Amino acid sequence: MLQLSHKLLAISLLVILFFTSSCGEINRPFKPENKSLPSFKDTSILKNSIITVSPTSGIKIEKANLLADLVTKALLQEGILASRQSERLNSLILRSRLEKHTIFWSLIKPEGILIYEIEMIYSDTQLLKHTQMVAELISRAINSIDRISVNQKAQVYLAVLPIDGALKSGASTLFREMVNKIDSPQIIITNDLIKAKFLLAGSIYLEEKDGQLQLVVIEWTIMNTNGAKIGTVTQQNWMPINKTENQLSIMAETIVNKAVRAIKPLLESAY
């Protein structure tokens, strides 16, 4: 029962970012694609910068230091400058904290501004896998960051398309939540596809089962009106098999809140 509770509370947000110049037909429901990512050396926010990895708070110091060492090594393997200690003034900081079997990883600017945050289930027996996933997600995230101030950009119109795939009732609830949660001075929600500059399309599909739980995958794909993809935000949520539809509706606000954290920066950096 404890395992069931932990899985229901854990919502893993995976950000898969890619860029493409193709304008071919869009197939739905969308599936993750294996696309090459731009090199970090071309990303302005990391130019002449380095990520300083801090020990995780909330766990024993020996384990916290080991975890920080492993993440630092994994980031270096991803081609990202990382260190346990740095004297550079423009060093970014990767902090983490353990809360109820979940580690929250936060990438922060020197002045304390949060750039990106992910949350992952923590297991002492899978440290190496955990750190490799953290490094991969951080790598993908920083390759999408645009330092141009959004305050200098014009307002753009975004059309949120109806969510397709499985769980139609829950999908309708998610759609309504998403329309209400995209709150940005630069982004205006519209149902006029002619006026819209960007489209946000959602898909829901069911993956493997684990005992009494069903893995529900939700994908939010941002694209230009010509169909060219800008990026995809993928969420995985464990829900009771016999109450999946109802549980999705109950968790809709939480799911959308987490998705919007990744969707907004993608949109704001795309125009």
Protein backbone atom coordinates (compact mmCIF):
# COMPACT_ATOMS: atom_id res chain seq x y z
CA MET A 1 0.00 0.00 0.00
CA LEU A 2 2.95 2.29 0.77
CA GLN A 3 4.39 1.63 -2.68
CA LEU A 4 1.04 2.50 -4.27
CA SER A 5 0.90 5.79 -2.35
CA HIS A 6 4.42 6.72 -3.38
CA LYS A 7 3.75 6.07 -7.03
CA LEU A 8 0.52 8.05 -6.99
CA LEU A 9 2.28 11.03 -5.46
CA ALA A 10 5.22 10.84 -7.86
CA ILE A 11 4.72 12.67 -11.14
CA SER A 12 7.82 12.43 -13.25
CA LEU A 13 8.27 15.28 -15.64
CA LEU A 14 10.55 14.47 -18.53
CA VAL A 15 11.43 17.23 -20.95
CA ILE A 16 12.35 16.09 -24.45
CA LEU A 17 13.46 19.04 -26.57
CA PHE A 18 14.32 18.91 -30.24
CA PHE A 19 14.32 21.16 -33.29
CA THR A 20 13.46 20.26 -36.86
CA SER A 21 13.09 22.04 -40.18
CA SER A 22 10.79 19.46 -41.71
CA CYS A 23 7.17 20.39 -42.31
CA GLY A 24 5.77 16.94 -43.01
CA GLU A 25 2.44 15.58 -41.91
CA ILE A 26 1.94 15.37 -38.15
CA ASN A 27 0.87 11.92 -36.91
CA ARG A 28 -1.14 11.67 -33.70
CA PRO A 29 -1.02 10.52 -31.01
CA PHE A 30 2.57 11.75 -30.84
CA LYS A 31 5.37 9.43 -29.78
CA PRO A 32 8.82 10.46 -28.43
CA GLU A 33 11.39 10.83 -31.18
CA ASN A 34 15.13 10.30 -31.05
CA LYS A 35 16.38 13.64 -32.37
CA SER A 36 19.87 15.08 -32.06
CA LEU A 37 20.13 18.14 -29.82
CA PRO A 38 22.15 21.32 -30.34
CA SER A 39 25.56 21.39 -28.66
CA PHE A 40 25.67 23.25 -25.34
CA LYS A 41 28.60 25.34 -26.58
CA ASP A 42 26.07 27.19 -28.75
CA THR A 43 23.80 27.95 -25.79
CA SER A 44 24.26 31.52 -24.61
CA ILE A 45 23.39 30.95 -20.96
CA LEU A 46 26.25 28.46 -20.54
CA LYS A 47 28.89 30.40 -22.43
CA ASN A 48 31.95 30.65 -20.17
CA SER A 49 29.86 29.21 -17.35
CA ILE A 50 30.03 26.09 -15.20
CA ILE A 51 27.53 24.16 -13.10
CA THR A 52 28.46 23.77 -9.44
CA VAL A 53 26.81 20.64 -8.00
CA SER A 54 25.81 20.83 -4.32
CA PRO A 55 25.17 17.83 -2.04
CA THR A 56 21.54 16.75 -1.71
CA SER A 57 19.82 17.94 1.45
CA GLY A 58 17.62 15.57 3.42
CA ILE A 59 19.89 12.49 3.24
CA LYS A 60 23.03 11.42 5.11
CA ILE A 61 26.08 13.51 4.24
CA GLU A 62 28.10 10.53 2.93
CA LYS A 63 25.31 9.59 0.52
CA ALA A 64 24.71 13.25 -0.39
CA ASN A 65 28.38 13.74 -1.35
CA LEU A 66 28.43 10.50 -3.34
CA LEU A 67 25.31 11.54 -5.22
CA ALA A 68 26.81 14.96 -6.03
CA ASP A 69 30.04 13.33 -7.25
CA LEU A 70 28.12 10.95 -9.52
CA VAL A 71 25.93 13.71 -10.98
CA THR A 72 29.01 15.86 -11.65
CA LYS A 73 30.67 12.98 -13.49
CA ALA A 74 27.50 12.25 -15.48
CA LEU A 75 27.16 15.92 -16.50
CA LEU A 76 30.76 15.95 -17.73
CA GLN A 77 30.00 12.84 -19.78
CA GLU A 78 27.07 14.75 -21.32
CA GLY A 79 29.53 17.45 -22.41
CA ILE A 80 28.51 19.98 -19.75
CA LEU A 81 31.05 21.85 -17.63
CA ALA A 82 30.40 20.74 -14.05
CA SER A 83 32.29 20.78 -10.77
CA ARG A 84 31.74 20.20 -7.07
CA GLN A 85 33.32 23.58 -6.32
CA SER A 86 33.80 26.64 -8.50
CA GLU A 87 35.19 30.13 -7.95
CA ARG A 88 33.69 31.54 -11.13
CA LEU A 89 31.29 34.41 -10.54
CA ASN A 90 28.92 33.26 -13.28
CA SER A 91 28.72 29.67 -12.06
CA LEU A 92 25.27 28.10 -12.22
CA ILE A 93 24.22 26.02 -9.21
CA LEU A 94 22.57 22.60 -9.22
CA ARG A 95 20.85 22.06 -5.87
CA SER A 96 18.70 19.14 -4.75
CA ARG A 97 16.57 18.08 -1.82
CA LEU A 98 14.93 14.82 -0.79
CA GLU A 99 11.23 14.90 0.11
CA LYS A 100 9.17 11.74 0.62
CA HIS A 101 11.31 9.47 -1.60
CA THR A 102 11.51 12.13 -4.33
CA ILE A 103 14.54 14.28 -5.13
CA PHE A 104 13.91 17.77 -6.52
CA TRP A 105 16.81 18.98 -8.70
CA SER A 106 16.95 22.77 -9.25
CA LEU A 107 19.26 24.60 -11.67
CA ILE A 108 19.73 28.14 -10.35
CA LYS A 109 21.43 31.31 -11.61
CA PRO A 110 24.08 32.93 -9.38
CA GLU A 111 21.57 35.61 -8.35
CA GLY A 112 19.17 32.91 -7.09
CA ILE A 113 16.74 32.80 -10.04
CA LEU A 114 15.39 29.30 -10.77
CA ILE A 115 16.11 28.20 -14.35
CA TYR A 116 14.80 24.65 -14.34
CA GLU A 117 13.54 22.03 -11.88
CA ILE A 118 12.88 18.31 -12.19
CA GLU A 119 11.69 15.73 -9.68
CA MET A 120 12.64 12.07 -9.67
CA ILE A 121 11.92 9.05 -7.49
CA TYR A 122 14.99 8.26 -5.36
CA SER A 123 16.32 4.78 -4.65
CA ASP A 124 19.56 3.91 -2.84
CA THR A 125 19.91 0.84 -5.02
CA GLN A 126 19.75 2.72 -8.34
CA LEU A 127 22.12 5.65 -7.76
CA LEU A 128 23.97 5.32 -11.06
CA LYS A 129 20.78 5.15 -13.15
CA HIS A 130 19.33 8.08 -11.20
CA THR A 131 22.36 10.32 -11.78
CA GLN A 132 22.55 9.47 -15.48
CA MET A 133 18.88 10.43 -15.93
CA VAL A 134 19.42 13.68 -14.02
CA ALA A 135 22.39 14.59 -16.20
CA GLU A 136 20.49 13.80 -19.41
CA LEU A 137 17.48 15.92 -18.42
CA ILE A 138 19.65 18.83 -17.28
CA SER A 139 21.56 18.63 -20.54
CA ARG A 140 18.39 18.72 -22.62
CA ALA A 141 16.97 21.58 -20.59
CA ILE A 142 19.97 23.89 -20.78
CA ASN A 143 20.18 23.37 -24.53
CA SER A 144 16.71 24.94 -24.81
CA ILE A 145 17.35 28.08 -22.75
CA ASP A 146 17.30 31.44 -24.49
CA ARG A 147 18.66 34.41 -22.52
CA ILE A 148 16.86 37.02 -24.62
CA SER A 149 14.53 38.87 -22.25
CA VAL A 150 10.90 37.92 -22.87
CA ASN A 151 9.94 41.46 -21.86
CA GLN A 152 11.42 42.70 -25.15
CA LYS A 153 9.32 40.33 -27.23
CA ALA A 154 5.95 40.94 -28.78
CA GLN A 155 2.84 39.10 -27.66
CA VAL A 156 2.01 35.93 -29.57
CA TYR A 157 -1.16 33.87 -29.92
CA LEU A 158 -1.26 30.21 -28.90
CA ALA A 159 -4.02 27.77 -29.83
CA VAL A 160 -4.48 24.81 -27.46
CA LEU A 161 -5.82 21.85 -29.45
CA PRO A 162 -8.18 19.23 -27.95
CA ILE A 163 -6.26 16.35 -26.36
CA ASP A 164 -6.46 13.06 -28.25
CA GLY A 165 -5.73 9.43 -27.39
CA ALA A 166 -7.03 7.49 -24.37
CA LEU A 167 -9.16 8.60 -21.37
CA LYS A 168 -11.46 11.09 -23.11
CA SER A 169 -13.16 12.41 -19.96
CA GLY A 170 -9.85 13.06 -18.20
CA ALA A 171 -8.46 14.57 -21.41
CA SER A 172 -11.26 17.14 -21.45
CA THR A 173 -10.44 18.16 -17.90
CA LEU A 174 -6.74 18.46 -18.75
CA PHE A 175 -7.58 20.59 -21.78
CA ARG A 176 -9.62 23.06 -19.70
CA GLU A 177 -6.87 23.27 -17.08
CA MET A 178 -4.19 23.91 -19.70
CA VAL A 179 -6.15 26.74 -21.32
CA ASN A 180 -6.42 28.42 -17.91
CA LYS A 181 -2.85 27.80 -16.75
CA ILE A 182 -0.81 29.29 -19.61
CA ASP A 183 -0.41 32.61 -17.80
CA SER A 184 2.16 34.87 -19.44
CA PRO A 185 2.19 38.52 -20.57
CA GLN A 186 3.68 37.40 -23.89
CA ILE A 187 1.34 34.46 -24.58
CA ILE A 188 -2.35 34.91 -25.44
CA ILE A 189 -4.62 31.88 -25.70
CA THR A 190 -6.86 31.88 -28.78
CA ASN A 191 -9.21 29.42 -30.48
CA ASP A 192 -8.65 31.17 -33.81
CA LEU A 193 -6.23 28.96 -35.75
CA ILE A 194 -5.67 31.68 -38.34
CA LYS A 195 -4.52 34.17 -35.72
CA ALA A 196 -2.41 31.64 -33.80
CA LYS A 197 1.36 31.57 -34.27
CA PHE A 198 1.90 28.41 -32.23
CA LEU A 199 -0.10 25.27 -31.48
CA LEU A 200 -0.09 23.14 -28.33
CA ALA A 201 -1.31 19.58 -28.94
CA GLY A 202 -1.81 16.98 -26.20
CA SER A 203 -1.93 13.19 -26.42
CA ILE A 204 -2.65 10.52 -23.80
CA TYR A 205 -1.74 6.87 -24.14
CA LEU A 206 -1.45 3.94 -21.74
CA GLU A 207 1.79 2.06 -21.16
CA GLU A 208 2.76 -0.91 -18.96
CA LYS A 209 0.94 -2.00 -15.82
CA ASP A 210 2.46 -2.72 -12.41
CA GLY A 211 0.21 -4.68 -10.07
CA GLN A 212 -2.79 -2.44 -9.41
CA LEU A 213 -1.30 0.55 -11.23
CA GLN A 214 -1.47 1.79 -14.83
CA LEU A 215 1.23 4.02 -16.34
CA VAL A 216 -0.43 6.94 -18.11
CA VAL A 217 1.78 8.92 -20.51
CA ILE A 218 0.80 12.48 -21.40
CA GLU A 219 2.60 14.35 -24.18
CA TRP A 220 2.34 18.06 -24.90
CA THR A 221 3.79 19.00 -28.29
CA ILE A 222 4.52 22.63 -29.19
CA MET A 223 4.68 23.41 -32.90
CA ASN A 224 4.40 26.16 -35.45
CA THR A 225 1.17 26.44 -37.38
CA ASN A 226 2.92 24.85 -40.38
CA GLY A 227 3.39 21.68 -38.32
CA ALA A 228 7.11 22.08 -37.55
CA LYS A 229 7.76 20.86 -34.01
CA ILE A 230 9.44 23.09 -31.45
CA GLY A 231 9.53 20.67 -28.53
CA THR A 232 7.69 18.01 -26.55
CA VAL A 233 7.01 17.76 -22.83
CA THR A 234 6.35 14.20 -21.66
CA GLN A 235 4.78 13.24 -18.31
CA GLN A 236 4.39 9.79 -16.77
CA ASN A 237 1.80 9.20 -14.06
CA TRP A 238 1.01 5.97 -12.18
CA MET A 239 -2.73 5.63 -11.47
CA PRO A 240 -5.07 2.89 -10.16
CA ILE A 241 -6.07 0.60 -13.02
CA ASN A 242 -9.76 0.53 -12.08
CA LYS A 243 -9.93 4.29 -11.42
CA THR A 244 -7.60 5.71 -14.04
CA GLU A 245 -10.12 7.99 -15.74
CA ASN A 246 -11.36 9.46 -12.47
CA GLN A 247 -7.85 9.82 -11.04
CA LEU A 248 -6.67 11.72 -14.12
CA SER A 249 -9.46 14.26 -13.64
CA ILE A 250 -8.61 14.62 -9.94
CA MET A 251 -4.92 15.15 -10.67
CA ALA A 252 -5.47 17.38 -13.72
CA GLU A 253 -4.54 20.66 -12.03
CA THR A 254 -1.32 19.23 -10.56
CA ILE A 255 -0.34 17.61 -13.85
CA VAL A 256 -0.92 20.78 -15.85
CA ASN A 257 0.93 22.95 -13.32
CA LYS A 258 4.02 20.77 -13.74
CA ALA A 259 3.73 20.68 -17.53
CA VAL A 260 3.39 24.46 -17.81
CA ARG A 261 6.76 24.93 -16.05
CA ALA A 262 8.42 23.39 -19.09
CA ILE A 263 6.01 24.56 -21.79
CA LYS A 264 6.23 28.30 -21.06
CA PRO A 265 10.02 28.59 -21.44
CA LEU A 266 9.81 26.67 -24.72
CA LEU A 267 7.18 29.02 -26.10
CA GLU A 268 8.92 32.17 -24.85
CA SER A 269 12.21 31.13 -26.42
CA ALA A 270 10.63 30.19 -29.75
CA TYR A 271 9.55 33.65 -30.92
